[in-house]
Every structure is written in C-alpha cells, then in structure tokens.
C-alpha cells in the first residue's frame, strides 16, 4: 500500500515540513549532542574506576568546559547504564579460623598520660585504590597524640603491624616498658 505524505501527516497531526526535515536528517542535533556527552561520561566513569556517580561526573564535564545541568547528566547516565559504586562488598567465603586470644585491658580507658613513651595505641585501616586495597597500620603516643610509627602494605599480614612497631621503637627508643593498646 502506498499513502501520500500530506494526508498521513494530517492524520498524525504533524506538519509535513517536519517529515521532510526528518528525511534529510533522521538524527537530531540534540541526540547527536547527547551521544557525544554519553561518550565523555563513559570515559570519565572508566577513569574513575567505575566509582563516580552523576554528581562527580557532572563536575568532570564542567572541568572539560561542557555546559550541561546535573539533571541532564543524571538522565544521560541513566540511559547509558552508568551507576555509582556505593560501598564495597566483601567477597563471599569463609573468614573463620581459630578464636582470637583476648588480651587483658591494661589501659582501662585511661587516655590521659603524664609522660611520653608510657602508652601507645595502634590501629589498622584499609584504603581502596585503583590498584587494589592498601592497608595502613599506625602507632600513636597518647602523650603527644602524634603518629610515631606507620607502615603500608598491599596485604594485611603480621609484619605490617610489626614494621610499624619497629619504626615507633626506633624513633622513640623507650627506656622502660610501654603499654601498647
């Protein structure tokens, strides 16, 4: 069947000039611009390690000199399937082992110390980087509240804490016993 353009446009309630304009250029300027921006968004998202959401991606586009609103970036990221990474999930597996031996609490929440090198406190934290996890162990003297020893490694093993402790002993050279909490 063959139908004429003008009667079809009249039935569809569109102007015939719009149909002829569509024949000349079926993809609009808006769609071309959206596709270009989606390419930039995907590139910025990949560079962020697939972590950034639409707000930070909007900041990246603004730093590139693109003029667009956060709502437009949110719409385009949704169309492109780009989502922010929220939190970090632990891999499934068995994390058991022998029960830990609990040491007695000699500090008893006495965080005010009269002299240096009496009480040191330690902590371990982990930081997500583009290359994987980075583990950081620090030792702080409660008297000065300064970091006196630290160590970083890509794996959380016993020598991570021991090297931080050795750094603290080497730097401070304590003369008597030190409580390490």
N, C-alpha and C. Protein backbone atom coordinates (compact mmCIF):
# COMPACT_ATOMS: atom_id res chain seq x y z
N UNK A 1 0.83 -1.18 0.00
CA UNK A 1 0.00 0.00 0.00
C UNK A 1 0.87 1.24 0.00
N UNK A 2 0.41 2.21 -0.69
CA UNK A 2 1.12 3.48 -0.79
C UNK A 2 0.18 4.59 -0.36
N UNK A 3 0.65 5.39 0.59
CA UNK A 3 -0.14 6.53 1.05
C UNK A 3 0.62 7.80 0.77
N UNK A 4 -0.11 8.85 0.59
CA UNK A 4 0.52 10.13 0.35
C UNK A 4 0.92 10.75 1.69
N UNK A 5 1.95 11.59 1.62
CA UNK A 5 2.56 12.14 2.83
C UNK A 5 1.62 13.12 3.52
N UNK A 6 1.03 14.04 2.79
CA UNK A 6 0.22 15.08 3.42
C UNK A 6 -1.00 14.52 4.16
N UNK A 7 -1.76 13.56 3.58
CA UNK A 7 -2.87 13.00 4.37
C UNK A 7 -2.39 12.26 5.62
N UNK A 8 -1.25 11.55 5.53
CA UNK A 8 -0.74 10.85 6.72
C UNK A 8 -0.34 11.86 7.80
N UNK A 9 0.32 12.94 7.38
CA UNK A 9 0.72 13.96 8.35
C UNK A 9 -0.50 14.61 8.99
N UNK A 10 -1.56 14.80 8.21
CA UNK A 10 -2.77 15.41 8.75
C UNK A 10 -3.39 14.47 9.79
N UNK A 11 -3.39 13.16 9.54
CA UNK A 11 -3.97 12.20 10.48
C UNK A 11 -3.12 12.11 11.74
N UNK A 12 -1.80 12.13 11.58
CA UNK A 12 -0.89 12.05 12.73
C UNK A 12 -0.73 13.39 13.45
N UNK A 13 -1.33 14.43 12.89
CA UNK A 13 -1.32 15.77 13.46
C UNK A 13 0.10 16.31 13.58
N UNK A 14 0.89 16.14 12.51
CA UNK A 14 2.21 16.75 12.42
C UNK A 14 2.28 17.51 11.11
N UNK A 15 3.16 18.49 11.04
CA UNK A 15 3.30 19.27 9.82
C UNK A 15 4.16 18.51 8.83
N UNK A 16 3.81 18.61 7.56
CA UNK A 16 4.54 17.86 6.53
C UNK A 16 5.99 18.32 6.39
N UNK A 17 6.27 19.59 6.74
CA UNK A 17 7.66 20.06 6.65
C UNK A 17 8.54 19.33 7.67
N UNK A 18 7.97 18.96 8.82
CA UNK A 18 8.73 18.19 9.82
C UNK A 18 9.11 16.81 9.29
N UNK A 19 8.21 16.20 8.53
CA UNK A 19 8.52 14.89 7.94
C UNK A 19 9.67 15.01 6.94
N UNK A 20 9.65 16.05 6.11
CA UNK A 20 10.71 16.21 5.12
C UNK A 20 12.04 16.59 5.79
N UNK A 21 11.98 17.34 6.87
CA UNK A 21 13.20 17.66 7.61
C UNK A 21 13.79 16.39 8.22
N UNK A 22 12.91 15.49 8.70
CA UNK A 22 13.36 14.22 9.26
C UNK A 22 14.00 13.34 8.18
N UNK A 23 13.47 13.39 6.96
CA UNK A 23 14.06 12.61 5.87
C UNK A 23 15.49 13.06 5.57
N UNK A 24 15.73 14.37 5.65
CA UNK A 24 17.06 14.89 5.36
C UNK A 24 18.05 14.55 6.48
N UNK A 25 17.61 14.63 7.73
CA UNK A 25 18.48 14.37 8.88
C UNK A 25 17.68 13.62 9.94
N UNK A 26 17.73 12.26 9.92
CA UNK A 26 16.91 11.49 10.85
C UNK A 26 17.37 11.59 12.31
N UNK A 27 18.63 11.91 12.56
CA UNK A 27 19.13 12.05 13.92
C UNK A 27 19.24 13.55 14.23
N UNK A 28 18.55 13.96 15.29
CA UNK A 28 18.52 15.39 15.62
C UNK A 28 19.84 15.85 16.25
N UNK A 29 20.00 17.15 16.31
CA UNK A 29 21.20 17.72 16.93
C UNK A 29 21.25 17.37 18.41
N UNK A 30 20.08 17.33 19.05
CA UNK A 30 20.02 17.00 20.48
C UNK A 30 20.52 15.58 20.72
N UNK A 31 20.09 14.65 19.90
CA UNK A 31 20.51 13.26 20.06
C UNK A 31 22.00 13.13 19.79
N UNK A 32 22.50 13.85 18.77
CA UNK A 32 23.94 13.81 18.49
C UNK A 32 24.74 14.36 19.67
N UNK A 33 24.26 15.45 20.26
CA UNK A 33 24.95 16.04 21.40
C UNK A 33 24.88 15.11 22.61
N UNK A 34 23.70 14.48 22.81
CA UNK A 34 23.57 13.53 23.92
C UNK A 34 24.52 12.35 23.74
N UNK A 35 24.65 11.84 22.54
CA UNK A 35 25.56 10.71 22.28
C UNK A 35 27.02 11.11 22.53
N UNK A 36 27.36 12.34 22.15
CA UNK A 36 28.72 12.83 22.39
C UNK A 36 28.99 12.94 23.89
N UNK A 37 28.00 13.48 24.64
CA UNK A 37 28.16 13.61 26.08
C UNK A 37 28.20 12.24 26.76
N UNK A 38 27.42 11.28 26.27
CA UNK A 38 27.45 9.93 26.84
C UNK A 38 28.85 9.33 26.67
N UNK A 39 29.47 9.58 25.52
CA UNK A 39 30.84 9.10 25.31
C UNK A 39 31.81 9.70 26.31
N UNK A 40 31.67 11.02 26.56
CA UNK A 40 32.53 11.67 27.54
C UNK A 40 32.27 11.16 28.96
N UNK A 41 30.98 10.92 29.26
CA UNK A 41 30.62 10.41 30.59
C UNK A 41 31.18 9.01 30.81
N UNK A 42 31.08 8.16 29.79
CA UNK A 42 31.61 6.79 29.92
C UNK A 42 33.12 6.81 30.11
N UNK A 43 33.79 7.70 29.41
CA UNK A 43 35.24 7.81 29.54
C UNK A 43 35.63 8.27 30.94
N UNK A 44 34.93 9.28 31.46
CA UNK A 44 35.22 9.79 32.81
C UNK A 44 34.89 8.73 33.86
N UNK A 45 33.83 7.97 33.63
CA UNK A 45 33.41 6.92 34.57
C UNK A 45 34.46 5.80 34.60
N UNK A 46 34.98 5.44 33.42
CA UNK A 46 36.02 4.41 33.36
C UNK A 46 37.28 4.90 34.07
N UNK A 47 37.64 6.16 33.88
CA UNK A 47 38.84 6.71 34.52
C UNK A 47 38.72 6.76 36.03
N UNK A 48 37.48 6.85 36.54
CA UNK A 48 37.27 6.89 37.98
C UNK A 48 37.26 5.50 38.60
N UNK A 49 37.45 4.48 37.77
CA UNK A 49 37.40 3.12 38.29
C UNK A 49 35.97 2.63 38.44
N UNK A 50 35.06 3.20 37.65
CA UNK A 50 33.63 2.88 37.69
C UNK A 50 33.04 3.14 39.07
N UNK A 51 33.47 4.23 39.67
CA UNK A 51 33.02 4.58 41.02
C UNK A 51 32.11 5.81 41.01
N UNK A 52 32.43 6.80 40.18
CA UNK A 52 31.72 8.08 40.22
C UNK A 52 30.24 7.94 39.86
N UNK A 53 29.43 8.78 40.51
CA UNK A 53 28.04 8.92 40.17
C UNK A 53 27.84 10.17 39.32
N UNK A 54 26.58 10.52 39.09
CA UNK A 54 26.32 11.62 38.17
C UNK A 54 26.81 12.97 38.68
N UNK A 55 26.88 13.15 40.01
CA UNK A 55 27.32 14.45 40.53
C UNK A 55 28.80 14.71 40.21
N UNK A 56 29.64 13.70 40.48
CA UNK A 56 31.06 13.89 40.20
C UNK A 56 31.32 13.87 38.70
N UNK A 57 30.53 13.11 37.96
CA UNK A 57 30.68 13.12 36.50
C UNK A 57 30.29 14.49 35.95
N UNK A 58 29.30 15.13 36.55
CA UNK A 58 28.92 16.48 36.15
C UNK A 58 30.07 17.44 36.39
N UNK A 59 30.75 17.29 37.55
CA UNK A 59 31.92 18.13 37.83
C UNK A 59 33.02 17.90 36.80
N UNK A 60 33.22 16.63 36.40
CA UNK A 60 34.24 16.32 35.39
C UNK A 60 33.90 16.98 34.05
N UNK A 61 32.62 16.93 33.66
CA UNK A 61 32.21 17.56 32.39
C UNK A 61 32.40 19.07 32.46
N UNK A 62 32.09 19.66 33.61
CA UNK A 62 32.26 21.11 33.76
C UNK A 62 33.73 21.48 33.65
N UNK A 63 34.62 20.63 34.21
CA UNK A 63 36.05 20.93 34.13
C UNK A 63 36.57 20.78 32.70
N UNK A 64 35.85 20.00 31.87
CA UNK A 64 36.23 19.88 30.46
C UNK A 64 35.68 21.03 29.62
N UNK A 65 34.85 21.88 30.24
CA UNK A 65 34.30 23.03 29.53
C UNK A 65 32.93 22.77 28.93
N UNK A 66 32.30 21.67 29.27
CA UNK A 66 30.96 21.37 28.76
C UNK A 66 29.92 22.07 29.63
N UNK A 67 28.94 22.66 28.99
CA UNK A 67 27.86 23.34 29.71
C UNK A 67 26.63 22.45 29.71
N UNK A 68 26.35 21.83 30.85
CA UNK A 68 25.16 21.00 30.98
C UNK A 68 24.76 20.96 32.45
N UNK A 69 23.50 20.69 32.68
CA UNK A 69 22.98 20.70 34.04
C UNK A 69 23.16 19.33 34.70
N UNK A 70 23.13 19.28 36.03
CA UNK A 70 23.21 17.99 36.72
C UNK A 70 22.06 17.06 36.36
N UNK A 71 20.88 17.64 36.10
CA UNK A 71 19.74 16.80 35.73
C UNK A 71 19.97 16.12 34.38
N UNK A 72 20.57 16.83 33.44
CA UNK A 72 20.87 16.24 32.14
C UNK A 72 21.89 15.12 32.28
N UNK A 73 22.91 15.34 33.12
CA UNK A 73 23.91 14.30 33.35
C UNK A 73 23.28 13.09 34.02
N UNK A 74 22.36 13.33 34.95
CA UNK A 74 21.67 12.21 35.60
C UNK A 74 20.85 11.42 34.58
N UNK A 75 20.18 12.12 33.69
CA UNK A 75 19.38 11.44 32.65
C UNK A 75 20.27 10.64 31.72
N UNK A 76 21.39 11.23 31.29
CA UNK A 76 22.28 10.54 30.36
C UNK A 76 22.98 9.34 31.01
N UNK A 77 23.37 9.48 32.29
CA UNK A 77 24.00 8.34 32.96
C UNK A 77 23.00 7.21 33.14
N UNK A 78 21.75 7.55 33.38
CA UNK A 78 20.72 6.52 33.48
C UNK A 78 20.52 5.81 32.15
N UNK A 79 20.50 6.59 31.06
CA UNK A 79 20.36 5.99 29.72
C UNK A 79 21.55 5.10 29.38
N UNK A 80 22.75 5.51 29.80
CA UNK A 80 23.96 4.76 29.46
C UNK A 80 24.21 3.59 30.41
N UNK A 81 23.43 3.49 31.48
CA UNK A 81 23.62 2.41 32.43
C UNK A 81 24.79 2.64 33.37
N UNK A 82 25.17 3.91 33.57
CA UNK A 82 26.27 4.25 34.46
C UNK A 82 25.71 4.45 35.86
N UNK A 83 26.28 3.72 36.83
CA UNK A 83 25.82 3.85 38.21
C UNK A 83 27.02 4.02 39.13
N UNK A 84 26.82 4.77 40.19
CA UNK A 84 27.88 4.97 41.17
C UNK A 84 28.07 3.69 41.97
N UNK A 85 29.32 3.45 42.38
CA UNK A 85 29.59 2.31 43.23
C UNK A 85 29.39 2.78 44.66
N UNK A 86 28.48 2.14 45.36
CA UNK A 86 28.15 2.54 46.72
C UNK A 86 28.65 1.46 47.66
N UNK A 87 29.63 1.81 48.47
CA UNK A 87 30.18 0.85 49.42
C UNK A 87 31.00 -0.22 48.72
N UNK A 88 31.64 -1.01 49.50
CA UNK A 88 32.44 -2.09 48.97
C UNK A 88 32.01 -3.37 49.66
N UNK A 89 31.60 -4.34 48.88
CA UNK A 89 31.12 -5.58 49.46
C UNK A 89 32.27 -6.56 49.61
N UNK A 90 32.22 -7.31 50.65
CA UNK A 90 33.22 -8.33 50.91
C UNK A 90 32.89 -9.55 50.08
N UNK A 91 33.93 -10.19 49.55
CA UNK A 91 33.72 -11.40 48.76
C UNK A 91 33.21 -12.52 49.66
N UNK A 92 32.33 -13.33 49.11
CA UNK A 92 31.79 -14.45 49.86
C UNK A 92 32.89 -15.46 50.13
N UNK A 93 32.84 -16.05 51.29
CA UNK A 93 33.84 -17.04 51.64
C UNK A 93 33.86 -17.28 53.13
N UNK A 94 34.73 -18.14 53.56
CA UNK A 94 34.85 -18.47 54.98
C UNK A 94 35.93 -17.60 55.59
N UNK A 95 35.58 -16.84 56.59
CA UNK A 95 36.53 -15.95 57.25
C UNK A 95 36.75 -16.38 58.69
N UNK A 96 36.51 -17.61 58.97
CA UNK A 96 36.67 -18.12 60.33
C UNK A 96 38.12 -18.43 60.63
N UNK A 97 38.32 -19.26 61.57
CA UNK A 97 39.66 -19.65 61.98
C UNK A 97 39.63 -19.92 63.46
N UNK A 98 40.80 -19.94 64.04
CA UNK A 98 40.89 -20.17 65.47
C UNK A 98 40.37 -18.93 66.20
N UNK A 99 39.69 -19.11 67.33
CA UNK A 99 39.22 -17.95 68.07
C UNK A 99 40.39 -17.12 68.57
N UNK A 100 40.22 -15.80 68.55
CA UNK A 100 41.29 -14.90 68.96
C UNK A 100 41.50 -14.95 70.47
N UNK A 101 42.73 -14.80 70.86
CA UNK A 101 43.06 -14.74 72.28
C UNK A 101 42.90 -13.28 72.70
N UNK A 102 42.05 -13.05 73.68
CA UNK A 102 41.78 -11.69 74.13
C UNK A 102 42.76 -11.33 75.23
N UNK A 103 43.52 -10.28 74.99
CA UNK A 103 44.49 -9.81 75.98
C UNK A 103 43.78 -8.96 77.02
N UNK A 104 44.29 -8.95 78.24
CA UNK A 104 43.66 -8.12 79.27
C UNK A 104 43.80 -6.63 78.93
N UNK A 105 42.82 -5.86 79.34
CA UNK A 105 42.78 -4.42 79.05
C UNK A 105 43.55 -3.67 80.14
N UNK A 106 44.84 -3.42 79.91
CA UNK A 106 45.67 -2.71 80.88
C UNK A 106 45.43 -1.21 80.83
N UNK A 107 44.93 -0.70 79.71
CA UNK A 107 44.72 0.74 79.56
C UNK A 107 43.52 1.21 80.35
N UNK A 108 42.44 0.43 80.37
CA UNK A 108 41.22 0.73 81.13
C UNK A 108 40.71 2.15 80.86
N UNK A 109 40.73 2.56 79.60
CA UNK A 109 40.22 3.84 79.13
C UNK A 109 40.90 5.05 79.78
N UNK A 110 42.12 4.87 80.26
CA UNK A 110 42.90 5.98 80.82
C UNK A 110 43.71 6.58 79.69
N UNK A 111 43.10 7.51 78.94
CA UNK A 111 43.72 8.07 77.75
C UNK A 111 44.57 9.30 78.04
N UNK A 112 44.56 9.78 79.27
CA UNK A 112 45.41 10.92 79.65
C UNK A 112 46.67 10.38 80.30
N UNK A 113 47.80 10.63 79.68
CA UNK A 113 49.08 10.08 80.13
C UNK A 113 49.97 11.25 80.58
N UNK A 114 50.79 11.01 81.62
CA UNK A 114 51.61 12.08 82.20
C UNK A 114 52.95 12.27 81.49
N UNK A 115 53.45 11.24 80.83
CA UNK A 115 54.78 11.34 80.22
C UNK A 115 54.79 10.60 78.89
N UNK A 116 55.74 10.96 78.00
CA UNK A 116 55.81 10.25 76.73
C UNK A 116 56.34 8.82 76.92
N UNK A 117 56.08 8.00 75.94
CA UNK A 117 56.54 6.61 75.87
C UNK A 117 56.03 5.75 77.03
N UNK A 118 54.83 6.07 77.54
CA UNK A 118 54.19 5.21 78.54
C UNK A 118 53.12 4.35 77.88
N UNK A 119 52.30 4.97 77.01
CA UNK A 119 51.19 4.27 76.39
C UNK A 119 51.12 4.64 74.92
N UNK A 120 51.11 3.60 74.09
CA UNK A 120 50.94 3.77 72.66
C UNK A 120 49.67 3.04 72.25
N UNK A 121 48.95 3.61 71.29
CA UNK A 121 47.77 2.95 70.74
C UNK A 121 47.99 2.68 69.26
N UNK A 122 47.36 1.63 68.76
CA UNK A 122 47.55 1.23 67.36
C UNK A 122 46.21 1.09 66.67
N UNK A 123 46.25 1.18 65.36
CA UNK A 123 45.05 0.94 64.56
C UNK A 123 45.47 0.53 63.16
N UNK A 124 44.60 -0.21 62.50
CA UNK A 124 44.81 -0.62 61.12
C UNK A 124 43.60 -0.17 60.33
N UNK A 125 43.83 0.40 59.18
CA UNK A 125 42.74 0.77 58.28
C UNK A 125 43.09 0.32 56.88
N UNK A 126 42.09 0.30 56.01
CA UNK A 126 42.34 -0.09 54.63
C UNK A 126 41.74 0.96 53.71
N UNK A 127 42.42 1.16 52.58
CA UNK A 127 42.06 2.21 51.64
C UNK A 127 41.93 1.57 50.26
N UNK A 128 40.82 1.83 49.57
CA UNK A 128 40.66 1.29 48.22
C UNK A 128 41.34 2.23 47.23
N UNK A 129 42.22 1.66 46.41
CA UNK A 129 42.91 2.42 45.37
C UNK A 129 42.59 1.80 44.03
N UNK A 130 43.07 2.41 42.96
CA UNK A 130 42.84 1.86 41.62
C UNK A 130 43.54 0.52 41.44
N UNK A 131 44.58 0.27 42.20
CA UNK A 131 45.35 -0.97 42.06
C UNK A 131 44.92 -2.03 43.06
N UNK A 132 43.98 -1.74 43.93
CA UNK A 132 43.52 -2.71 44.93
C UNK A 132 43.53 -2.07 46.31
N UNK A 133 43.47 -2.91 47.34
CA UNK A 133 43.42 -2.41 48.71
C UNK A 133 44.82 -2.09 49.21
N UNK A 134 44.92 -1.03 50.00
CA UNK A 134 46.16 -0.64 50.65
C UNK A 134 45.87 -0.63 52.15
N UNK A 135 46.68 -1.36 52.91
CA UNK A 135 46.49 -1.47 54.35
C UNK A 135 47.49 -0.57 55.06
N UNK A 136 47.02 0.16 56.06
CA UNK A 136 47.83 1.13 56.78
C UNK A 136 47.73 0.84 58.27
N UNK A 137 48.89 0.65 58.91
CA UNK A 137 48.95 0.47 60.37
C UNK A 137 49.68 1.68 60.95
N UNK A 138 49.13 2.26 62.02
CA UNK A 138 49.75 3.41 62.66
C UNK A 138 49.87 3.17 64.16
N UNK A 139 50.85 3.80 64.77
CA UNK A 139 51.04 3.76 66.22
C UNK A 139 51.14 5.21 66.69
N UNK A 140 50.34 5.53 67.70
CA UNK A 140 50.25 6.90 68.22
C UNK A 140 50.64 6.89 69.70
N UNK A 141 51.46 7.85 70.09
CA UNK A 141 51.79 8.05 71.51
C UNK A 141 50.65 8.86 72.13
N UNK A 142 50.04 8.33 73.19
CA UNK A 142 48.91 9.03 73.81
C UNK A 142 49.32 10.33 74.49
N UNK A 143 50.57 10.48 74.85
CA UNK A 143 51.01 11.71 75.50
C UNK A 143 51.03 12.87 74.49
N UNK A 144 51.69 12.67 73.36
CA UNK A 144 51.83 13.75 72.38
C UNK A 144 50.73 13.72 71.32
N UNK A 145 49.99 12.62 71.24
CA UNK A 145 48.93 12.44 70.23
C UNK A 145 49.48 12.52 68.81
N UNK A 146 50.74 12.13 68.65
CA UNK A 146 51.37 12.14 67.33
C UNK A 146 51.61 10.73 66.86
N UNK A 147 51.63 10.57 65.54
CA UNK A 147 51.95 9.28 64.95
C UNK A 147 53.46 9.08 65.07
N UNK A 148 53.84 7.98 65.70
CA UNK A 148 55.27 7.72 65.90
C UNK A 148 55.75 6.55 65.06
N UNK A 149 54.85 5.79 64.49
CA UNK A 149 55.23 4.69 63.62
C UNK A 149 54.09 4.36 62.68
N UNK A 150 54.44 3.98 61.45
CA UNK A 150 53.42 3.63 60.48
C UNK A 150 54.01 2.68 59.45
N UNK A 151 53.12 1.94 58.79
CA UNK A 151 53.54 1.01 57.75
C UNK A 151 52.37 0.80 56.80
N UNK A 152 52.68 0.63 55.50
CA UNK A 152 51.67 0.37 54.48
C UNK A 152 52.08 -0.84 53.66
N UNK A 153 51.11 -1.68 53.35
CA UNK A 153 51.36 -2.85 52.50
C UNK A 153 50.10 -3.19 51.73
N UNK A 154 50.27 -3.99 50.69
CA UNK A 154 49.12 -4.39 49.89
C UNK A 154 48.39 -5.59 50.49
N UNK A 155 48.99 -6.23 51.49
CA UNK A 155 48.34 -7.36 52.16
C UNK A 155 48.39 -7.14 53.67
N UNK A 156 47.32 -7.54 54.37
CA UNK A 156 47.28 -7.36 55.81
C UNK A 156 47.87 -8.61 56.46
N UNK A 157 49.15 -8.49 56.80
CA UNK A 157 49.85 -9.59 57.44
C UNK A 157 50.50 -9.10 58.72
N UNK A 158 51.05 -10.03 59.48
CA UNK A 158 51.61 -9.68 60.77
C UNK A 158 52.75 -8.67 60.66
N UNK A 159 53.56 -8.76 59.61
CA UNK A 159 54.69 -7.85 59.50
C UNK A 159 54.27 -6.42 59.21
N UNK A 160 53.02 -6.20 58.81
CA UNK A 160 52.50 -4.83 58.64
C UNK A 160 52.56 -4.11 59.98
N UNK A 161 52.03 -4.75 61.03
CA UNK A 161 52.00 -4.13 62.36
C UNK A 161 53.39 -4.14 62.97
N UNK A 162 54.13 -5.22 62.76
CA UNK A 162 55.47 -5.29 63.35
C UNK A 162 56.40 -4.22 62.80
N UNK A 163 56.31 -3.94 61.51
CA UNK A 163 57.18 -2.89 60.95
C UNK A 163 56.77 -1.51 61.47
N UNK A 164 55.47 -1.28 61.69
CA UNK A 164 55.04 -0.02 62.30
C UNK A 164 55.56 0.08 63.73
N UNK A 165 55.52 -1.03 64.47
CA UNK A 165 56.01 -1.05 65.85
C UNK A 165 57.53 -0.85 65.89
N UNK A 166 58.24 -1.47 64.96
CA UNK A 166 59.70 -1.28 64.90
C UNK A 166 60.06 0.17 64.59
N UNK A 167 59.28 0.81 63.73
CA UNK A 167 59.53 2.22 63.43
C UNK A 167 59.32 3.07 64.67
N UNK A 168 58.25 2.77 65.43
CA UNK A 168 57.98 3.55 66.65
C UNK A 168 59.10 3.36 67.67
N UNK A 169 59.57 2.11 67.85
CA UNK A 169 60.65 1.85 68.80
C UNK A 169 61.94 2.52 68.34
N UNK A 170 62.22 2.46 67.06
CA UNK A 170 63.45 3.08 66.53
C UNK A 170 63.42 4.60 66.69
N UNK A 171 62.23 5.20 66.46
CA UNK A 171 62.14 6.66 66.55
C UNK A 171 62.15 7.16 68.00
N UNK A 172 61.48 6.44 68.90
CA UNK A 172 61.31 6.92 70.27
C UNK A 172 62.33 6.33 71.25
N UNK A 173 62.84 5.15 71.00
CA UNK A 173 63.81 4.46 71.88
C UNK A 173 63.37 4.52 73.34
N UNK A 174 62.26 3.85 73.69
CA UNK A 174 61.75 3.93 75.07
C UNK A 174 62.72 3.27 76.06
N UNK A 175 62.84 3.87 77.25
CA UNK A 175 63.75 3.38 78.30
C UNK A 175 63.08 2.34 79.18
N UNK A 176 61.76 2.39 79.32
CA UNK A 176 61.05 1.45 80.20
C UNK A 176 59.94 0.78 79.41
N UNK A 177 59.13 -0.03 80.11
CA UNK A 177 58.04 -0.75 79.47
C UNK A 177 56.98 0.23 78.93
N UNK A 178 56.39 -0.16 77.80
CA UNK A 178 55.36 0.66 77.16
C UNK A 178 54.11 -0.19 77.02
N UNK A 179 52.96 0.37 77.40
CA UNK A 179 51.69 -0.31 77.17
C UNK A 179 51.28 -0.03 75.73
N UNK A 180 51.02 -1.10 74.97
CA UNK A 180 50.57 -0.95 73.59
C UNK A 180 49.14 -1.45 73.53
N UNK A 181 48.24 -0.58 73.17
CA UNK A 181 46.82 -0.93 73.15
C UNK A 181 46.32 -0.94 71.74
